[in-house]
All heavy atoms as atom14 arrays in JSON, in Angstrom:
{
  "sequence": "LVWGVGKILWQFLDFLKTVNAQIAAQIIGTSGTVLAAVIAVVLG",
  "atom14_mask": [
    [1, 1, 1, 1, 1, 1, 1, 1, 0, 0, 0, 0, 0, 0],
    [1, 1, 1, 1, 1, 1, 1, 0, 0, 0, 0, 0, 0, 0],
    [1, 1, 1, 1, 1, 1, 1, 1, 1, 1, 1, 1, 1, 1],
    [1, 1, 1, 1, 0, 0, 0, 0, 0, 0, 0, 0, 0, 0],
    [1, 1, 1, 1, 1, 1, 1, 0, 0, 0, 0, 0, 0, 0],
    [1, 1, 1, 1, 0, 0, 0, 0, 0, 0, 0, 0, 0, 0],
    [1, 1, 1, 1, 1, 1, 1, 1, 1, 0, 0, 0, 0, 0],
    [1, 1, 1, 1, 1, 1, 1, 1, 0, 0, 0, 0, 0, 0],
    [1, 1, 1, 1, 1, 1, 1, 1, 0, 0, 0, 0, 0, 0],
    [1, 1, 1, 1, 1, 1, 1, 1, 1, 1, 1, 1, 1, 1],
    [1, 1, 1, 1, 1, 1, 1, 1, 1, 0, 0, 0, 0, 0],
    [1, 1, 1, 1, 1, 1, 1, 1, 1, 1, 1, 0, 0, 0],
    [1, 1, 1, 1, 1, 1, 1, 1, 0, 0, 0, 0, 0, 0],
    [1, 1, 1, 1, 1, 1, 1, 1, 0, 0, 0, 0, 0, 0],
    [1, 1, 1, 1, 1, 1, 1, 1, 1, 1, 1, 0, 0, 0],
    [1, 1, 1, 1, 1, 1, 1, 1, 0, 0, 0, 0, 0, 0],
    [1, 1, 1, 1, 1, 1, 1, 1, 1, 0, 0, 0, 0, 0],
    [1, 1, 1, 1, 1, 1, 1, 0, 0, 0, 0, 0, 0, 0],
    [1, 1, 1, 1, 1, 1, 1, 0, 0, 0, 0, 0, 0, 0],
    [1, 1, 1, 1, 1, 1, 1, 1, 0, 0, 0, 0, 0, 0],
    [1, 1, 1, 1, 1, 0, 0, 0, 0, 0, 0, 0, 0, 0],
    [1, 1, 1, 1, 1, 1, 1, 1, 1, 0, 0, 0, 0, 0],
    [1, 1, 1, 1, 1, 1, 1, 1, 0, 0, 0, 0, 0, 0],
    [1, 1, 1, 1, 1, 0, 0, 0, 0, 0, 0, 0, 0, 0],
    [1, 1, 1, 1, 1, 0, 0, 0, 0, 0, 0, 0, 0, 0],
    [1, 1, 1, 1, 1, 1, 1, 1, 1, 0, 0, 0, 0, 0],
    [1, 1, 1, 1, 1, 1, 1, 1, 0, 0, 0, 0, 0, 0],
    [1, 1, 1, 1, 1, 1, 1, 1, 0, 0, 0, 0, 0, 0],
    [1, 1, 1, 1, 0, 0, 0, 0, 0, 0, 0, 0, 0, 0],
    [1, 1, 1, 1, 1, 1, 1, 0, 0, 0, 0, 0, 0, 0],
    [1, 1, 1, 1, 1, 1, 0, 0, 0, 0, 0, 0, 0, 0],
    [1, 1, 1, 1, 0, 0, 0, 0, 0, 0, 0, 0, 0, 0],
    [1, 1, 1, 1, 1, 1, 1, 0, 0, 0, 0, 0, 0, 0],
    [1, 1, 1, 1, 1, 1, 1, 0, 0, 0, 0, 0, 0, 0],
    [1, 1, 1, 1, 1, 1, 1, 1, 0, 0, 0, 0, 0, 0],
    [1, 1, 1, 1, 1, 0, 0, 0, 0, 0, 0, 0, 0, 0],
    [1, 1, 1, 1, 1, 0, 0, 0, 0, 0, 0, 0, 0, 0],
    [1, 1, 1, 1, 1, 1, 1, 0, 0, 0, 0, 0, 0, 0],
    [1, 1, 1, 1, 1, 1, 1, 1, 0, 0, 0, 0, 0, 0],
    [1, 1, 1, 1, 1, 0, 0, 0, 0, 0, 0, 0, 0, 0],
    [1, 1, 1, 1, 1, 1, 1, 0, 0, 0, 0, 0, 0, 0],
    [1, 1, 1, 1, 1, 1, 1, 0, 0, 0, 0, 0, 0, 0],
    [1, 1, 1, 1, 1, 1, 1, 1, 0, 0, 0, 0, 0, 0],
    [1, 1, 1, 1, 0, 0, 0, 0, 0, 0, 0, 0, 0, 0]
  ],
  "atom14_positions": [
    [[18.64, 33.01, -26.75], [18.58, 34.43, -27.09], [19.31, 35.28, -26.05], [20.08, 36.18, -26.4], [17.13, 34.86, -27.22], [16.89, 36.34, -27.55], [17.47, 36.66, -28.92], [15.39, 36.65, -27.52], [0.0, 0.0, 0.0], [0.0, 0.0, 0.0], [0.0, 0.0, 0.0], [0.0, 0.0, 0.0], [0.0, 0.0, 0.0], [0.0, 0.0, 0.0]],
    [[19.06, 34.98, -24.78], [19.72, 35.74, -23.71], [21.24, 35.59, -23.79], [22.0, 36.56, -23.67], [19.2, 35.3, -22.33], [20.04, 35.92, -21.2], [17.74, 35.7, -22.17], [0.0, 0.0, 0.0], [0.0, 0.0, 0.0], [0.0, 0.0, 0.0], [0.0, 0.0, 0.0], [0.0, 0.0, 0.0], [0.0, 0.0, 0.0], [0.0, 0.0, 0.0]],
    [[21.68, 34.35, -23.96], [23.12, 34.09, -24.05], [23.72, 34.8, -25.26], [24.79, 35.43, -25.17], [23.38, 32.59, -24.14], [24.84, 32.25, -24.3], [25.77, 32.11, -23.32], [25.53, 32.0, -25.54], [26.99, 31.8, -23.84], [26.88, 31.73, -25.22], [25.13, 31.98, -26.87], [27.82, 31.43, -26.18], [26.08, 31.7, -27.85], [27.41, 31.43, -27.5]],
    [[23.05, 34.71, -26.4], [23.57, 35.32, -27.61], [23.62, 36.84, -27.52], [24.62, 37.45, -27.93], [0.0, 0.0, 0.0], [0.0, 0.0, 0.0], [0.0, 0.0, 0.0], [0.0, 0.0, 0.0], [0.0, 0.0, 0.0], [0.0, 0.0, 0.0], [0.0, 0.0, 0.0], [0.0, 0.0, 0.0], [0.0, 0.0, 0.0], [0.0, 0.0, 0.0]],
    [[22.57, 37.44, -26.99], [22.55, 38.9, -26.85], [23.65, 39.36, -25.89], [24.33, 40.35, -26.13], [21.17, 39.37, -26.36], [21.21, 40.85, -25.97], [20.12, 39.14, -27.43], [0.0, 0.0, 0.0], [0.0, 0.0, 0.0], [0.0, 0.0, 0.0], [0.0, 0.0, 0.0], [0.0, 0.0, 0.0], [0.0, 0.0, 0.0], [0.0, 0.0, 0.0]],
    [[23.83, 38.62, -24.8], [24.88, 38.98, -23.84], [26.25, 38.93, -24.46], [27.09, 39.84, -24.26], [0.0, 0.0, 0.0], [0.0, 0.0, 0.0], [0.0, 0.0, 0.0], [0.0, 0.0, 0.0], [0.0, 0.0, 0.0], [0.0, 0.0, 0.0], [0.0, 0.0, 0.0], [0.0, 0.0, 0.0], [0.0, 0.0, 0.0], [0.0, 0.0, 0.0]],
    [[26.5, 37.89, -25.24], [27.82, 37.73, -25.87], [28.06, 38.84, -26.89], [29.16, 39.43, -26.96], [27.9, 36.36, -26.53], [29.28, 36.04, -27.1], [29.33, 34.62, -27.63], [30.71, 34.28, -28.18], [31.77, 34.37, -27.15], [0.0, 0.0, 0.0], [0.0, 0.0, 0.0], [0.0, 0.0, 0.0], [0.0, 0.0, 0.0], [0.0, 0.0, 0.0]],
    [[27.05, 39.11, -27.7], [27.19, 40.16, -28.72], [27.38, 41.52, -28.06], [28.2, 42.34, -28.51], [25.94, 40.18, -29.64], [25.88, 38.89, -30.47], [25.95, 41.4, -30.54], [24.62, 38.74, -31.29], [0.0, 0.0, 0.0], [0.0, 0.0, 0.0], [0.0, 0.0, 0.0], [0.0, 0.0, 0.0], [0.0, 0.0, 0.0], [0.0, 0.0, 0.0]],
    [[26.63, 41.79, -27.0], [26.75, 43.07, -26.31], [28.14, 43.26, -25.72], [28.72, 44.35, -25.79], [25.69, 43.16, -25.21], [25.65, 44.47, -24.4], [25.37, 45.64, -25.34], [24.6, 44.39, -23.31], [0.0, 0.0, 0.0], [0.0, 0.0, 0.0], [0.0, 0.0, 0.0], [0.0, 0.0, 0.0], [0.0, 0.0, 0.0], [0.0, 0.0, 0.0]],
    [[28.68, 42.2, -25.16], [30.02, 42.29, -24.57], [31.07, 42.6, -25.65], [31.93, 43.46, -25.45], [30.35, 40.97, -23.87], [31.66, 40.99, -23.14], [32.88, 40.57, -23.57], [31.87, 41.51, -21.83], [33.84, 40.76, -22.62], [33.26, 41.34, -21.53], [31.04, 42.07, -20.85], [33.82, 41.73, -20.32], [31.6, 42.46, -19.64], [32.97, 42.29, -19.39]],
    [[30.99, 41.9, -26.78], [31.92, 42.16, -27.87], [31.71, 43.56, -28.46], [32.67, 44.22, -28.87], [31.74, 41.1, -28.96], [32.14, 39.7, -28.52], [31.9, 38.66, -29.6], [31.22, 38.93, -30.57], [32.45, 37.47, -29.4], [0.0, 0.0, 0.0], [0.0, 0.0, 0.0], [0.0, 0.0, 0.0], [0.0, 0.0, 0.0], [0.0, 0.0, 0.0]],
    [[30.48, 43.99, -28.48], [30.16, 45.31, -29.02], [30.77, 46.41, -28.16], [31.32, 47.39, -28.66], [28.65, 45.46, -29.1], [28.19, 46.78, -29.65], [28.44, 47.12, -30.97], [27.51, 47.69, -28.85], [28.02, 48.33, -31.48], [27.09, 48.9, -29.36], [27.35, 49.23, -30.68], [0.0, 0.0, 0.0], [0.0, 0.0, 0.0], [0.0, 0.0, 0.0]],
    [[30.7, 46.25, -26.85], [31.28, 47.23, -25.94], [32.81, 47.28, -26.08], [33.42, 48.36, -26.02], [30.9, 46.9, -24.49], [29.4, 47.07, -24.15], [29.14, 46.6, -22.72], [28.97, 48.52, -24.34], [0.0, 0.0, 0.0], [0.0, 0.0, 0.0], [0.0, 0.0, 0.0], [0.0, 0.0, 0.0], [0.0, 0.0, 0.0], [0.0, 0.0, 0.0]],
    [[33.41, 46.12, -26.28], [34.85, 46.09, -26.51], [35.22, 46.83, -27.79], [36.23, 47.53, -27.86], [35.35, 44.64, -26.58], [35.38, 43.97, -25.21], [35.4, 44.71, -24.19], [35.38, 42.73, -25.16], [0.0, 0.0, 0.0], [0.0, 0.0, 0.0], [0.0, 0.0, 0.0], [0.0, 0.0, 0.0], [0.0, 0.0, 0.0], [0.0, 0.0, 0.0]],
    [[34.36, 46.67, -28.81], [34.61, 47.33, -30.08], [34.51, 48.85, -29.96], [35.3, 49.6, -30.55], [33.64, 46.82, -31.14], [33.64, 47.62, -32.42], [34.69, 47.51, -33.32], [32.6, 48.49, -32.71], [34.69, 48.25, -34.49], [32.6, 49.23, -33.87], [33.66, 49.11, -34.76], [0.0, 0.0, 0.0], [0.0, 0.0, 0.0], [0.0, 0.0, 0.0]],
    [[33.54, 49.31, -29.18], [33.33, 50.75, -29.04], [34.54, 51.44, -28.4], [34.77, 52.64, -28.61], [32.07, 51.04, -28.21], [30.73, 50.69, -28.87], [29.58, 51.01, -27.93], [30.56, 51.45, -30.19], [0.0, 0.0, 0.0], [0.0, 0.0, 0.0], [0.0, 0.0, 0.0], [0.0, 0.0, 0.0], [0.0, 0.0, 0.0], [0.0, 0.0, 0.0]],
    [[35.28, 50.7, -27.62], [36.45, 51.28, -26.96], [37.55, 51.64, -27.96], [38.44, 52.44, -27.65], [37.0, 50.3, -25.93], [36.05, 50.03, -24.78], [36.63, 48.99, -23.83], [35.67, 48.66, -22.69], [36.2, 47.62, -21.77], [0.0, 0.0, 0.0], [0.0, 0.0, 0.0], [0.0, 0.0, 0.0], [0.0, 0.0, 0.0], [0.0, 0.0, 0.0]],
    [[37.47, 51.06, -29.17], [38.53, 51.27, -30.16], [38.2, 52.38, -31.14], [39.03, 52.68, -32.01], [38.78, 49.96, -30.94], [37.61, 49.63, -31.69], [39.12, 48.82, -30.0], [0.0, 0.0, 0.0], [0.0, 0.0, 0.0], [0.0, 0.0, 0.0], [0.0, 0.0, 0.0], [0.0, 0.0, 0.0], [0.0, 0.0, 0.0], [0.0, 0.0, 0.0]],
    [[36.99, 52.98, -31.09], [36.6, 54.02, -32.04], [36.38, 55.33, -31.29], [36.22, 55.34, -30.06], [35.33, 53.61, -32.82], [35.57, 52.34, -33.6], [34.15, 53.44, -31.86], [0.0, 0.0, 0.0], [0.0, 0.0, 0.0], [0.0, 0.0, 0.0], [0.0, 0.0, 0.0], [0.0, 0.0, 0.0], [0.0, 0.0, 0.0], [0.0, 0.0, 0.0]],
    [[36.29, 56.45, -32.04], [36.1, 57.74, -31.39], [34.65, 57.91, -30.95], [33.76, 57.16, -31.36], [36.53, 58.89, -32.3], [35.69, 58.93, -33.59], [34.47, 58.91, -33.53], [36.37, 58.99, -34.74], [0.0, 0.0, 0.0], [0.0, 0.0, 0.0], [0.0, 0.0, 0.0], [0.0, 0.0, 0.0], [0.0, 0.0, 0.0], [0.0, 0.0, 0.0]],
    [[34.39, 58.94, -30.17], [33.08, 59.12, -29.53], [31.96, 59.36, -30.53], [30.83, 58.86, -30.37], [33.16, 60.28, -28.53], [0.0, 0.0, 0.0], [0.0, 0.0, 0.0], [0.0, 0.0, 0.0], [0.0, 0.0, 0.0], [0.0, 0.0, 0.0], [0.0, 0.0, 0.0], [0.0, 0.0, 0.0], [0.0, 0.0, 0.0], [0.0, 0.0, 0.0]],
    [[32.23, 60.15, -31.6], [31.17, 60.46, -32.57], [30.71, 59.22, -33.31], [29.51, 58.98, -33.47], [31.68, 61.51, -33.56], [30.6, 61.96, -34.55], [31.09, 63.06, -35.48], [32.25, 63.48, -35.41], [30.22, 63.52, -36.35], [0.0, 0.0, 0.0], [0.0, 0.0, 0.0], [0.0, 0.0, 0.0], [0.0, 0.0, 0.0], [0.0, 0.0, 0.0]],
    [[31.66, 58.44, -33.77], [31.3, 57.21, -34.48], [30.6, 56.24, -33.53], [29.62, 55.57, -33.9], [32.56, 56.56, -35.09], [33.18, 57.49, -36.15], [32.22, 55.2, -35.68], [34.47, 56.95, -36.74], [0.0, 0.0, 0.0], [0.0, 0.0, 0.0], [0.0, 0.0, 0.0], [0.0, 0.0, 0.0], [0.0, 0.0, 0.0], [0.0, 0.0, 0.0]],
    [[31.07, 56.18, -32.3], [30.45, 55.29, -31.33], [29.0, 55.66, -31.09], [28.11, 54.8, -30.97], [31.24, 55.33, -30.02], [0.0, 0.0, 0.0], [0.0, 0.0, 0.0], [0.0, 0.0, 0.0], [0.0, 0.0, 0.0], [0.0, 0.0, 0.0], [0.0, 0.0, 0.0], [0.0, 0.0, 0.0], [0.0, 0.0, 0.0], [0.0, 0.0, 0.0]],
    [[28.7, 56.97, -31.01], [27.32, 57.43, -30.8], [26.42, 57.02, -31.96], [25.27, 56.6, -31.77], [27.3, 58.95, -30.61], [0.0, 0.0, 0.0], [0.0, 0.0, 0.0], [0.0, 0.0, 0.0], [0.0, 0.0, 0.0], [0.0, 0.0, 0.0], [0.0, 0.0, 0.0], [0.0, 0.0, 0.0], [0.0, 0.0, 0.0], [0.0, 0.0, 0.0]],
    [[26.94, 57.15, -33.19], [26.16, 56.76, -34.37], [25.9, 55.26, -34.37], [24.79, 54.8, -34.7], [26.9, 57.17, -35.64], [27.0, 58.68, -35.82], [27.81, 59.06, -37.05], [28.46, 58.22, -37.67], [27.78, 60.35, -37.39], [0.0, 0.0, 0.0], [0.0, 0.0, 0.0], [0.0, 0.0, 0.0], [0.0, 0.0, 0.0], [0.0, 0.0, 0.0]],
    [[26.91, 54.51, -34.02], [26.75, 53.05, -33.99], [25.73, 52.64, -32.93], [24.88, 51.77, -33.17], [28.11, 52.37, -33.71], [29.06, 52.6, -34.89], [27.92, 50.88, -33.45], [30.46, 52.06, -34.65], [0.0, 0.0, 0.0], [0.0, 0.0, 0.0], [0.0, 0.0, 0.0], [0.0, 0.0, 0.0], [0.0, 0.0, 0.0], [0.0, 0.0, 0.0]],
    [[25.81, 53.27, -31.77], [24.87, 52.94, -30.7], [23.43, 53.25, -31.11], [22.5, 52.47, -30.87], [25.24, 53.71, -29.42], [26.56, 53.18, -28.85], [24.13, 53.59, -28.37], [27.06, 53.98, -27.65], [0.0, 0.0, 0.0], [0.0, 0.0, 0.0], [0.0, 0.0, 0.0], [0.0, 0.0, 0.0], [0.0, 0.0, 0.0], [0.0, 0.0, 0.0]],
    [[23.23, 54.41, -31.77], [21.89, 54.78, -32.21], [21.31, 53.79, -33.22], [20.16, 53.36, -33.11], [0.0, 0.0, 0.0], [0.0, 0.0, 0.0], [0.0, 0.0, 0.0], [0.0, 0.0, 0.0], [0.0, 0.0, 0.0], [0.0, 0.0, 0.0], [0.0, 0.0, 0.0], [0.0, 0.0, 0.0], [0.0, 0.0, 0.0], [0.0, 0.0, 0.0]],
    [[22.13, 53.42, -34.21], [21.68, 52.46, -35.22], [21.43, 51.08, -34.62], [20.43, 50.42, -34.92], [22.73, 52.34, -36.34], [22.96, 53.63, -36.9], [22.25, 51.39, -37.42], [0.0, 0.0, 0.0], [0.0, 0.0, 0.0], [0.0, 0.0, 0.0], [0.0, 0.0, 0.0], [0.0, 0.0, 0.0], [0.0, 0.0, 0.0], [0.0, 0.0, 0.0]],
    [[22.33, 50.67, -33.74], [22.19, 49.35, -33.11], [20.93, 49.28, -32.25], [20.24, 48.26, -32.21], [23.42, 49.05, -32.26], [24.59, 49.05, -33.04], [0.0, 0.0, 0.0], [0.0, 0.0, 0.0], [0.0, 0.0, 0.0], [0.0, 0.0, 0.0], [0.0, 0.0, 0.0], [0.0, 0.0, 0.0], [0.0, 0.0, 0.0], [0.0, 0.0, 0.0]],
    [[20.63, 50.4, -31.56], [19.42, 50.42, -30.74], [18.17, 50.23, -31.56], [17.25, 49.51, -31.17], [0.0, 0.0, 0.0], [0.0, 0.0, 0.0], [0.0, 0.0, 0.0], [0.0, 0.0, 0.0], [0.0, 0.0, 0.0], [0.0, 0.0, 0.0], [0.0, 0.0, 0.0], [0.0, 0.0, 0.0], [0.0, 0.0, 0.0], [0.0, 0.0, 0.0]],
    [[18.12, 50.86, -32.73], [16.96, 50.7, -33.62], [16.81, 49.27, -34.1], [15.71, 48.7, -34.1], [17.09, 51.64, -34.83], [17.22, 53.0, -34.38], [15.89, 51.52, -35.74], [0.0, 0.0, 0.0], [0.0, 0.0, 0.0], [0.0, 0.0, 0.0], [0.0, 0.0, 0.0], [0.0, 0.0, 0.0], [0.0, 0.0, 0.0], [0.0, 0.0, 0.0]],
    [[17.95, 48.69, -34.52], [17.92, 47.3, -35.0], [17.51, 46.35, -33.88], [16.69, 45.44, -34.07], [19.3, 46.9, -35.57], [19.31, 45.42, -35.91], [19.62, 47.74, -36.79], [0.0, 0.0, 0.0], [0.0, 0.0, 0.0], [0.0, 0.0, 0.0], [0.0, 0.0, 0.0], [0.0, 0.0, 0.0], [0.0, 0.0, 0.0], [0.0, 0.0, 0.0]],
    [[18.08, 46.56, -32.69], [17.77, 45.69, -31.55], [16.3, 45.76, -31.17], [15.67, 44.75, -30.88], [18.64, 46.07, -30.35], [18.45, 45.22, -29.08], [18.79, 43.76, -29.37], [19.32, 45.77, -27.95], [0.0, 0.0, 0.0], [0.0, 0.0, 0.0], [0.0, 0.0, 0.0], [0.0, 0.0, 0.0], [0.0, 0.0, 0.0], [0.0, 0.0, 0.0]],
    [[15.75, 46.99, -31.21], [14.33, 47.15, -30.89], [13.46, 46.39, -31.88], [12.45, 45.75, -31.51], [13.96, 48.63, -30.88], [0.0, 0.0, 0.0], [0.0, 0.0, 0.0], [0.0, 0.0, 0.0], [0.0, 0.0, 0.0], [0.0, 0.0, 0.0], [0.0, 0.0, 0.0], [0.0, 0.0, 0.0], [0.0, 0.0, 0.0], [0.0, 0.0, 0.0]],
    [[13.84, 46.44, -33.16], [13.07, 45.73, -34.19], [13.14, 44.22, -33.97], [12.14, 43.51, -34.11], [13.59, 46.1, -35.57], [0.0, 0.0, 0.0], [0.0, 0.0, 0.0], [0.0, 0.0, 0.0], [0.0, 0.0, 0.0], [0.0, 0.0, 0.0], [0.0, 0.0, 0.0], [0.0, 0.0, 0.0], [0.0, 0.0, 0.0], [0.0, 0.0, 0.0]],
    [[14.34, 43.72, -33.64], [14.52, 42.29, -33.4], [13.69, 41.84, -32.2], [13.01, 40.8, -32.24], [16.01, 41.96, -33.18], [16.17, 40.51, -32.72], [16.8, 42.19, -34.46], [0.0, 0.0, 0.0], [0.0, 0.0, 0.0], [0.0, 0.0, 0.0], [0.0, 0.0, 0.0], [0.0, 0.0, 0.0], [0.0, 0.0, 0.0], [0.0, 0.0, 0.0]],
    [[13.73, 42.62, -31.13], [12.96, 42.27, -29.93], [11.47, 42.24, -30.24], [10.74, 41.36, -29.78], [13.27, 43.27, -28.8], [14.7, 43.09, -28.32], [12.29, 43.08, -27.64], [15.11, 44.1, -27.26], [0.0, 0.0, 0.0], [0.0, 0.0, 0.0], [0.0, 0.0, 0.0], [0.0, 0.0, 0.0], [0.0, 0.0, 0.0], [0.0, 0.0, 0.0]],
    [[11.0, 43.22, -31.03], [9.58, 43.27, -31.39], [9.18, 42.02, -32.17], [8.11, 41.45, -31.94], [9.3, 44.52, -32.22], [0.0, 0.0, 0.0], [0.0, 0.0, 0.0], [0.0, 0.0, 0.0], [0.0, 0.0, 0.0], [0.0, 0.0, 0.0], [0.0, 0.0, 0.0], [0.0, 0.0, 0.0], [0.0, 0.0, 0.0], [0.0, 0.0, 0.0]],
    [[10.03, 41.57, -33.1], [9.73, 40.38, -33.88], [9.7, 39.14, -33.0], [8.79, 38.3, -33.1], [10.76, 40.21, -35.02], [10.59, 38.85, -35.7], [10.63, 41.33, -36.03], [0.0, 0.0, 0.0], [0.0, 0.0, 0.0], [0.0, 0.0, 0.0], [0.0, 0.0, 0.0], [0.0, 0.0, 0.0], [0.0, 0.0, 0.0], [0.0, 0.0, 0.0]],
    [[10.69, 39.01, -32.11], [10.75, 37.84, -31.23], [9.55, 37.78, -30.31], [8.92, 36.73, -30.14], [12.07, 37.86, -30.42], [12.05, 36.75, -29.36], [13.26, 37.67, -31.33], [0.0, 0.0, 0.0], [0.0, 0.0, 0.0], [0.0, 0.0, 0.0], [0.0, 0.0, 0.0], [0.0, 0.0, 0.0], [0.0, 0.0, 0.0], [0.0, 0.0, 0.0]],
    [[9.23, 38.92, -29.69], [8.07, 38.95, -28.8], [6.77, 38.65, -29.54], [5.87, 38.01, -29.0], [7.98, 40.32, -28.11], [9.08, 40.64, -27.1], [8.88, 42.04, -26.53], [9.11, 39.61, -25.98], [0.0, 0.0, 0.0], [0.0, 0.0, 0.0], [0.0, 0.0, 0.0], [0.0, 0.0, 0.0], [0.0, 0.0, 0.0], [0.0, 0.0, 0.0]],
    [[6.7, 39.12, -30.79], [5.52, 38.82, -31.59], [5.37, 37.33, -31.86], [4.27, 36.79, -31.8], [0.0, 0.0, 0.0], [0.0, 0.0, 0.0], [0.0, 0.0, 0.0], [0.0, 0.0, 0.0], [0.0, 0.0, 0.0], [0.0, 0.0, 0.0], [0.0, 0.0, 0.0], [0.0, 0.0, 0.0], [0.0, 0.0, 0.0], [0.0, 0.0, 0.0]]
  ]
}
């Protein structure tokens, strides 16, 4: 899980560099919600 999250996060940051700030903010907000839900399920 740690390795996978690290790899995805690295690729995600590279992707954000190619889009404008407004879209990046929306993506970050949505991703944070999804990530929180995934972490809650795993910890459960």
